[in-house]
Amino acid sequence: FVAFANDVQQILDWIEKHGDAFLQKNLAVGIGKSLRQAKKLDKMHTDFEMAIKNTKTNAENLIAAADNMYNEQIQQQKLAQTN
């Protein structure tokens, strides 16, 4: 459970540190002021999109792990009640 909680915190920290910062920084710059800037922003967005997809996959894996831990606990409780 401790490892699970640490993994969840890492995902939340990543979103706070990188996701919010990316959005704020790029909104402040002014989108599309020049072709060069637009291309740079497009590449940054593509890189960010890949990182977000990895983070989403990690979050989905953690949700599945949480479901498994919960189901195992329920099964153990049922076994304990029958014994």
Protein backbone atom coordinates (compact mmCIF):
# COMPACT_ATOMS: atom_id res chain seq x y z
CA PHE A 1 0.00 0.00 0.00
CA VAL A 2 2.86 2.39 0.79
CA ALA A 3 4.36 1.85 -2.67
CA PHE A 4 0.95 2.49 -4.21
CA ALA A 5 0.53 5.74 -2.28
CA ASN A 6 4.03 6.85 -3.33
CA ASP A 7 3.25 6.13 -6.99
CA VAL A 8 0.02 8.13 -6.79
CA GLN A 9 1.87 11.05 -5.22
CA GLN A 10 4.51 10.94 -7.97
CA ILE A 11 1.82 11.25 -10.63
CA LEU A 12 0.13 14.14 -8.84
CA ASP A 13 3.48 15.87 -8.35
CA TRP A 14 4.32 15.46 -12.04
CA ILE A 15 1.00 16.97 -13.11
CA GLU A 16 1.43 19.89 -10.73
CA LYS A 17 5.07 20.52 -11.60
CA HIS A 18 5.02 19.92 -15.36
CA GLY A 19 1.43 20.02 -16.57
CA ASP A 20 0.30 23.23 -14.93
CA ALA A 21 3.64 24.91 -15.60
CA PHE A 22 3.52 23.97 -19.29
CA LEU A 23 0.06 25.43 -19.71
CA GLN A 24 0.81 28.64 -17.83
CA LYS A 25 4.12 29.23 -19.60
CA ASN A 26 2.70 28.73 -23.06
CA LEU A 27 -0.42 30.76 -22.50
CA ALA A 28 1.70 33.67 -21.29
CA VAL A 29 4.00 33.59 -24.35
CA GLY A 30 1.23 34.37 -26.81
CA ILE A 31 0.28 31.62 -29.19
CA GLY A 32 1.04 32.00 -32.88
CA LYS A 33 2.99 35.26 -32.92
CA SER A 34 5.30 33.85 -35.59
CA LEU A 35 5.70 30.69 -37.65
CA ARG A 36 8.88 29.81 -35.74
CA GLN A 37 7.12 30.19 -32.42
CA ALA A 38 4.12 28.21 -33.64
CA LYS A 39 6.38 25.34 -34.78
CA LYS A 40 8.24 25.41 -31.47
CA LEU A 41 4.97 25.33 -29.57
CA ASP A 42 3.74 22.46 -31.75
CA LYS A 43 6.85 20.40 -30.93
CA MET A 44 6.56 21.23 -27.24
CA HIS A 45 2.92 20.18 -27.35
CA THR A 46 3.80 16.89 -29.04
CA ASP A 47 6.46 16.18 -26.40
CA PHE A 48 4.05 17.15 -23.63
CA GLU A 49 1.34 14.95 -25.13
CA MET A 50 3.67 11.94 -25.03
CA ALA A 51 4.56 12.62 -21.41
CA ILE A 52 0.89 12.99 -20.50
CA LYS A 53 0.05 9.71 -22.24
CA ASN A 54 2.72 7.97 -20.14
CA THR A 55 1.36 9.60 -17.00
CA LYS A 56 -2.18 8.53 -17.93
CA THR A 57 -1.01 4.95 -18.47
CA ASN A 58 0.72 4.98 -15.08
CA ALA A 59 -2.42 6.36 -13.44
CA GLU A 60 -4.57 3.66 -15.08
CA ASN A 61 -2.15 0.99 -13.85
CA LEU A 62 -2.36 2.41 -10.33
CA ILE A 63 -6.16 2.39 -10.46
CA ALA A 64 -6.09 -1.25 -11.55
CA ALA A 65 -3.66 -2.05 -8.71
CA ALA A 66 -5.95 -0.29 -6.23
CA ASP A 67 -8.93 -2.30 -7.51
CA ASN A 68 -6.94 -5.52 -7.12
CA MET A 69 -5.86 -4.62 -3.58
CA TYR A 70 -9.46 -3.79 -2.66
CA ASN A 71 -10.81 -7.02 -4.16
CA GLU A 72 -8.15 -9.08 -2.39
CA GLN A 73 -9.03 -7.44 0.91
CA ILE A 74 -12.73 -8.20 0.39
CA GLN A 75 -11.91 -11.83 -0.40
CA GLN A 76 -9.74 -12.11 2.73
CA GLN A 77 -12.55 -10.64 4.84
CA LYS A 78 -15.04 -13.13 3.39
CA LEU A 79 -12.66 -16.02 4.11
CA ALA A 80 -12.11 -14.78 7.66
CA GLN A 81 -15.87 -14.62 8.25
CA THR A 82 -16.41 -18.21 7.07
CA ASN A 83 -13.64 -19.58 9.33
